Amino acid sequence: MSEMSPTELVSVIGKGLLSFPVTTFQADGSFDPKGYREHIAWASSNGPAGQFVAGGTGEFFSLTAAEVSQIIKIAAEEIKGRMPLLAPCGYGTRMAVDLARDAEASGADGLLLLPPYLTECEQDGIAAHVEAVCRATSLGVIFYSRANATLDDETLAWLCDRCPNLVGFKDGVGDVEMITRIYARLGDRLTYLGGLPTAETFALPYLELGVNTYSSAIFNFLPKFALEFYAAVRRRDREAVYARLREFVLPYVAMRRRRKGYAVSIVKAGMRIVGRDCGPVRPPLTDLTPGEMNELAALIAGRS
């Protein structure tokens, strides 16, 4: 059970770079608990402000509920309260409620509420979904607005009035007008996180919209680079940010866009290249080709 209140959670995560650790698998695709423990311990030692375990980069969509619970427990044992541990919940409302309750019992400090499975939703339906999850837990909840589940400023304000533990809004859409409307209406009632892949690409312009932080997948294999990039963003050092964008981030994004699902696959490839192999991705994702691995290795060279 977490000892961190929702208020304490957001006061921490809004001040630093957040990590989106991958989930480690064996060559046959089975979960590798030993490897995961080692990866979480290593990632924690590199100084993120918080960790979103088993999230999008952690292949939540391919994990069983039992695996998610095991991942949260391992991460809680390794992190030991040194930083916030955020767990996923999603799918249908009843499944999301069950996952939220289990995450709280397993040692999570907060929740990232991912979109419901498959179906399209109206605003009042999404609001009912979010409220049900918030009422099922005492943990702080961050809503991930993307794909088939996006919230407008009016619905989000209504939810904030009804759900004190709704503490964060993560944007995965990139609608500048809507982000502006949300921040203008709600201000510091929420903490705002960047959630577009790759987050570094949008970090500087998003800062001006009230989005102070983001979760970095690149942190998995280049933590020093990721932290230096974030520091340059926060001090609004445009020259440093754009230099890093040109030299690494934009070529990396170009590789990531080649095939669907590569947003996760390229991160695991990067892990392999820097000597921290976390195994393959699970189907329906596919791994990089040998030629693409060589391209990525040349891009990473000298940065790890």
Protein backbone atom coordinates (compact mmCIF):
# COMPACT_ATOMS: atom_id res chain seq x y z
CA MET A 1 0.00 0.00 0.00
CA SER A 2 1.40 3.36 -1.02
CA GLU A 3 2.18 5.99 1.59
CA MET A 4 2.21 8.72 -1.08
CA SER A 5 -0.92 10.86 -1.35
CA PRO A 6 -2.18 12.02 -4.76
CA THR A 7 -1.01 15.55 -3.90
CA GLU A 8 2.48 14.31 -3.04
CA LEU A 9 2.54 12.25 -6.23
CA VAL A 10 1.95 15.18 -8.55
CA SER A 11 4.32 17.47 -6.65
CA VAL A 12 7.13 15.04 -7.49
CA ILE A 13 6.36 13.91 -11.03
CA GLY A 14 5.89 17.45 -12.33
CA LYS A 15 9.47 18.39 -11.47
CA GLY A 16 11.55 15.88 -13.38
CA LEU A 17 11.88 13.46 -16.26
CA LEU A 18 9.74 10.32 -16.10
CA SER A 19 10.80 6.87 -17.26
CA PHE A 20 8.74 4.38 -19.26
CA PRO A 21 10.68 1.13 -18.65
CA VAL A 22 10.37 -1.77 -21.06
CA THR A 23 9.22 -5.18 -19.85
CA THR A 24 11.85 -7.90 -20.08
CA PHE A 25 11.06 -11.14 -21.89
CA GLN A 26 12.93 -14.37 -22.48
CA ALA A 27 13.73 -15.40 -26.05
CA ASP A 28 10.49 -17.42 -26.12
CA GLY A 29 8.43 -14.37 -25.11
CA SER A 30 7.83 -15.40 -21.50
CA PHE A 31 8.20 -12.78 -18.78
CA ASP A 32 11.70 -12.56 -17.28
CA PRO A 33 11.31 -11.49 -13.62
CA LYS A 34 15.04 -11.57 -12.85
CA GLY A 35 15.87 -9.44 -15.86
CA TYR A 36 13.05 -7.04 -15.02
CA ARG A 37 14.29 -6.61 -11.47
CA GLU A 38 17.75 -5.78 -12.79
CA HIS A 39 16.37 -3.31 -15.34
CA ILE A 40 14.21 -1.47 -12.79
CA ALA A 41 17.12 -1.27 -10.35
CA TRP A 42 19.40 0.11 -13.06
CA ALA A 43 16.81 2.59 -14.34
CA SER A 44 16.12 3.80 -10.80
CA SER A 45 19.81 4.39 -10.19
CA ASN A 46 19.91 6.85 -13.10
CA GLY A 47 17.63 9.38 -11.42
CA PRO A 48 14.20 9.62 -13.07
CA ALA A 49 11.49 11.52 -11.19
CA GLY A 50 9.14 8.54 -11.47
CA GLN A 51 8.59 5.30 -13.36
CA PHE A 52 5.55 4.21 -15.38
CA VAL A 53 5.86 0.42 -15.27
CA ALA A 54 4.07 -1.89 -17.71
CA GLY A 55 2.83 1.11 -19.69
CA GLY A 56 2.76 1.55 -23.45
CA THR A 57 6.52 1.09 -23.82
CA GLY A 58 6.23 -1.75 -21.28
CA GLU A 59 3.79 -3.58 -23.62
CA PHE A 60 0.77 -3.38 -21.30
CA PHE A 61 -1.41 -4.47 -24.22
CA SER A 62 0.38 -7.84 -24.39
CA LEU A 63 0.59 -8.60 -20.66
CA THR A 64 -1.76 -10.71 -18.55
CA ALA A 65 -3.29 -9.23 -15.40
CA ALA A 66 -1.14 -11.60 -13.34
CA GLU A 67 2.00 -10.37 -15.10
CA VAL A 68 1.06 -6.73 -14.51
CA SER A 69 0.61 -7.47 -10.80
CA GLN A 70 3.98 -9.25 -10.66
CA ILE A 71 5.70 -6.37 -12.45
CA ILE A 72 4.28 -3.81 -10.00
CA LYS A 73 5.39 -5.88 -7.01
CA ILE A 74 8.94 -6.31 -8.36
CA ALA A 75 9.20 -2.60 -9.16
CA ALA A 76 7.90 -1.64 -5.70
CA GLU A 77 10.51 -3.89 -4.05
CA GLU A 78 13.31 -2.33 -6.09
CA ILE A 79 12.23 1.32 -5.96
CA LYS A 80 11.52 1.20 -2.21
CA GLY A 81 9.65 4.50 -2.21
CA ARG A 82 12.59 6.51 -3.62
CA MET A 83 10.41 7.80 -6.46
CA PRO A 84 6.78 7.43 -7.53
CA LEU A 85 5.81 4.10 -9.07
CA LEU A 86 2.93 4.44 -11.52
CA ALA A 87 1.03 1.41 -12.74
CA PRO A 88 -1.28 0.90 -15.71
CA CYS A 89 -4.97 0.21 -15.85
CA GLY A 90 -7.20 0.06 -18.88
CA TYR A 91 -9.42 -2.09 -21.11
CA GLY A 92 -13.12 -2.10 -20.16
CA THR A 93 -14.29 -0.25 -17.07
CA ARG A 94 -14.67 -3.31 -14.85
CA MET A 95 -11.27 -4.63 -15.86
CA ALA A 96 -9.74 -1.20 -15.32
CA VAL A 97 -11.28 -1.04 -11.83
CA ASP A 98 -9.89 -4.50 -10.98
CA LEU A 99 -6.45 -3.52 -12.28
CA ALA A 100 -6.54 -0.27 -10.30
CA ARG A 101 -7.38 -2.05 -7.06
CA ASP A 102 -4.73 -4.69 -7.65
CA ALA A 103 -2.12 -2.03 -8.45
CA GLU A 104 -2.85 -0.27 -5.17
CA ALA A 105 -2.57 -3.55 -3.24
CA SER A 106 0.66 -4.40 -5.08
CA GLY A 107 2.48 -1.20 -4.06
CA ALA A 108 1.86 1.36 -6.81
CA ASP A 109 1.81 5.07 -5.92
CA GLY A 110 -0.36 6.18 -8.82
CA LEU A 111 -2.17 5.03 -11.94
CA LEU A 112 -1.95 5.75 -15.65
CA LEU A 113 -5.43 5.19 -17.09
CA LEU A 114 -5.04 4.01 -20.67
CA PRO A 115 -7.83 4.04 -23.31
CA PRO A 116 -10.57 1.40 -23.23
CA TYR A 117 -10.17 -1.51 -25.60
CA LEU A 118 -11.34 -1.11 -29.20
CA THR A 119 -14.64 0.72 -28.91
CA GLU A 120 -15.25 4.37 -29.74
CA CYS A 121 -16.62 6.48 -26.87
CA GLU A 122 -18.64 9.63 -26.28
CA GLN A 123 -17.52 12.21 -23.70
CA ASP A 124 -20.08 11.14 -21.09
CA GLY A 125 -19.06 7.51 -21.49
CA ILE A 126 -15.37 8.28 -21.05
CA ALA A 127 -16.23 10.44 -18.04
CA ALA A 128 -18.14 7.56 -16.42
CA HIS A 129 -15.17 5.27 -17.11
CA VAL A 130 -12.68 7.68 -15.51
CA GLU A 131 -14.93 8.34 -12.51
CA ALA A 132 -15.39 4.61 -11.85
CA VAL A 133 -11.63 4.08 -11.76
CA CYS A 134 -11.03 7.12 -9.54
CA ARG A 135 -13.69 5.98 -7.08
CA ALA A 136 -12.18 2.47 -6.93
CA THR A 137 -8.85 3.63 -5.54
CA SER A 138 -7.22 6.16 -3.24
CA LEU A 139 -4.26 6.47 -5.61
CA GLY A 140 -3.68 9.50 -7.81
CA VAL A 141 -4.94 8.88 -11.35
CA ILE A 142 -3.42 10.28 -14.54
CA PHE A 143 -5.70 10.14 -17.58
CA TYR A 144 -3.96 9.31 -20.86
CA SER A 145 -5.88 11.15 -23.56
CA ARG A 146 -5.24 9.43 -26.88
CA ALA A 147 -6.68 7.20 -29.60
CA ASN A 148 -10.35 6.37 -28.87
CA ALA A 149 -10.44 8.09 -25.46
CA THR A 150 -9.89 11.83 -25.48
CA LEU A 151 -11.35 14.41 -23.11
CA ASP A 152 -12.25 18.01 -23.85
CA ASP A 153 -11.84 20.85 -21.37
CA GLU A 154 -15.47 20.86 -20.19
CA THR A 155 -15.60 17.13 -19.45
CA LEU A 156 -12.22 17.21 -17.78
CA ALA A 157 -13.28 20.11 -15.56
CA TRP A 158 -16.45 18.19 -14.59
CA LEU A 159 -14.33 15.17 -13.66
CA CYS A 160 -11.92 17.29 -11.63
CA ASP A 161 -14.85 18.55 -9.56
CA ARG A 162 -16.05 15.00 -8.87
CA CYS A 163 -12.74 13.15 -8.54
CA PRO A 164 -10.17 14.72 -6.18
CA ASN A 165 -7.68 11.96 -6.97
CA LEU A 166 -7.73 12.74 -10.71
CA VAL A 167 -4.41 14.55 -10.60
CA GLY A 168 -2.87 14.34 -14.06
CA PHE A 169 -3.56 14.68 -17.77
CA LYS A 170 -1.24 13.04 -20.27
CA ASP A 171 -1.69 14.22 -23.85
CA GLY A 172 -1.20 11.74 -26.65
CA VAL A 173 -3.11 13.68 -29.32
CA GLY A 174 -1.21 16.90 -30.00
CA ASP A 175 -4.23 19.20 -30.34
CA VAL A 176 -2.62 22.52 -29.35
CA GLU A 177 -5.93 24.37 -29.15
CA MET A 178 -7.43 21.77 -26.80
CA ILE A 179 -4.35 21.71 -24.55
CA THR A 180 -4.53 25.50 -24.38
CA ARG A 181 -8.22 25.38 -23.48
CA ILE A 182 -7.61 22.73 -20.81
CA TYR A 183 -4.77 24.64 -19.19
CA ALA A 184 -6.65 27.94 -19.38
CA ARG A 185 -9.63 26.35 -17.63
CA LEU A 186 -7.89 24.14 -15.06
CA GLY A 187 -4.43 25.65 -14.59
CA ASP A 188 -2.53 23.97 -11.77
CA ARG A 189 -5.44 21.74 -10.74
CA LEU A 190 -3.70 19.03 -12.80
CA THR A 191 -0.16 18.10 -13.67
CA TYR A 192 0.28 17.89 -17.45
CA LEU A 193 2.48 15.30 -19.15
CA GLY A 194 3.58 14.96 -22.74
CA GLY A 195 2.56 11.62 -24.22
CA LEU A 196 3.24 11.90 -27.94
CA PRO A 197 5.89 9.57 -29.36
CA THR A 198 8.74 10.40 -29.35
CA ALA A 199 8.14 12.79 -26.43
CA GLU A 200 11.42 14.67 -26.83
CA THR A 201 10.29 15.96 -30.24
CA PHE A 202 7.46 17.98 -28.69
CA ALA A 203 8.98 18.82 -25.32
CA LEU A 204 10.03 22.42 -25.95
CA PRO A 205 6.81 23.73 -27.56
CA TYR A 206 4.72 21.81 -25.03
CA LEU A 207 6.53 23.53 -22.17
CA GLU A 208 4.93 26.81 -23.24
CA LEU A 209 1.50 25.15 -23.00
CA GLY A 210 1.95 24.17 -19.34
CA VAL A 211 3.25 20.64 -19.99
CA ASN A 212 6.27 20.50 -17.68
CA THR A 213 7.31 16.90 -18.05
CA TYR A 214 7.01 13.75 -20.13
CA SER A 215 7.83 10.06 -20.00
CA SER A 216 10.94 9.19 -21.98
CA ALA A 217 11.30 5.82 -23.69
CA ILE A 218 14.82 6.82 -24.77
CA PHE A 219 15.74 6.87 -21.05
CA ASN A 220 15.71 3.05 -21.19
CA PHE A 221 18.96 2.90 -23.15
CA LEU A 222 20.38 6.44 -23.09
CA PRO A 223 19.50 7.82 -19.63
CA LYS A 224 22.26 10.43 -19.61
CA PHE A 225 21.19 11.80 -22.99
CA ALA A 226 17.52 11.80 -21.94
CA LEU A 227 18.23 13.69 -18.72
CA GLU A 228 20.47 16.24 -20.44
CA PHE A 229 17.80 16.80 -23.09
CA TYR A 230 15.14 17.34 -20.43
CA ALA A 231 17.38 19.78 -18.56
CA ALA A 232 17.91 21.77 -21.77
CA VAL A 233 14.14 21.90 -22.31
CA ARG A 234 13.43 23.10 -18.78
CA ARG A 235 15.98 25.92 -19.04
CA ARG A 236 14.56 26.74 -22.50
CA ASP A 237 17.94 26.30 -24.16
CA ARG A 238 16.72 26.20 -27.76
CA GLU A 239 20.20 25.80 -29.23
CA ALA A 240 20.95 22.73 -27.11
CA VAL A 241 17.51 21.20 -27.70
CA TYR A 242 17.62 21.60 -31.47
CA ALA A 243 21.20 20.35 -31.67
CA ARG A 244 20.14 17.12 -29.94
CA LEU A 245 17.04 16.89 -32.09
CA ARG A 246 19.10 17.11 -35.28
CA GLU A 247 21.88 14.81 -34.10
CA PHE A 248 19.83 12.01 -32.59
CA VAL A 249 16.12 12.41 -31.90
CA LEU A 250 14.83 13.20 -35.40
CA PRO A 251 16.87 10.44 -37.15
CA TYR A 252 15.64 8.07 -34.41
CA VAL A 253 12.04 9.17 -35.05
CA ALA A 254 12.50 8.57 -38.78
CA MET A 255 13.51 4.97 -38.03
CA ARG A 256 10.67 4.53 -35.55
CA ARG A 257 8.11 5.57 -38.18
CA ARG A 258 9.12 2.93 -40.70
CA ARG A 259 6.78 0.27 -39.38
CA LYS A 260 3.76 0.18 -37.09
CA GLY A 261 4.67 -0.71 -33.52
CA TYR A 262 8.29 0.34 -33.80
CA ALA A 263 7.80 2.89 -31.01
CA VAL A 264 8.33 -0.06 -28.65
CA SER A 265 10.53 -2.24 -30.85
CA ILE A 266 13.17 0.44 -31.37
CA VAL A 267 13.52 0.92 -27.61
CA LYS A 268 14.19 -2.78 -27.05
CA ALA A 269 16.63 -2.68 -29.95
CA GLY A 270 18.44 0.21 -28.28
CA MET A 271 18.64 -1.79 -25.06
CA ARG A 272 20.26 -4.66 -26.93
CA ILE A 273 22.77 -2.35 -28.60
CA VAL A 274 23.97 -0.81 -25.33
CA GLY A 275 24.43 -4.22 -23.74
CA ARG A 276 21.24 -4.36 -21.68
CA ASP A 277 19.22 -6.89 -23.69
CA CYS A 278 15.62 -7.08 -22.46
CA GLY A 279 14.48 -9.66 -24.99
CA PRO A 280 12.16 -9.40 -27.99
CA VAL A 281 8.82 -7.67 -28.28
CA ARG A 282 5.72 -9.83 -28.06
CA PRO A 283 3.38 -10.31 -31.02
CA PRO A 284 1.63 -8.54 -32.60
CA LEU A 285 4.70 -6.24 -32.50
CA THR A 286 7.76 -7.07 -34.58
CA ASP A 287 11.45 -6.49 -33.89
CA LEU A 288 13.80 -4.38 -36.01
CA THR A 289 15.55 -6.06 -38.94
CA PRO A 290 19.31 -6.77 -38.74
CA GLY A 291 19.94 -3.87 -41.13
CA GLU A 292 17.91 -1.50 -38.99
CA MET A 293 19.78 -2.71 -35.91
CA ASN A 294 23.03 -1.69 -37.61
CA GLU A 295 21.61 1.74 -38.46
CA LEU A 296 20.47 2.27 -34.88
CA ALA A 297 23.82 1.11 -33.51
CA ALA A 298 25.59 3.73 -35.66
CA LEU A 299 23.20 6.41 -34.39
CA ILE A 300 23.74 5.40 -30.76
CA ALA A 301 27.52 5.02 -31.06
CA GLY A 302 29.38 7.19 -28.57
CA ARG A 303 26.26 8.20 -26.64
CA SER A 304 25.80 5.32 -24.19
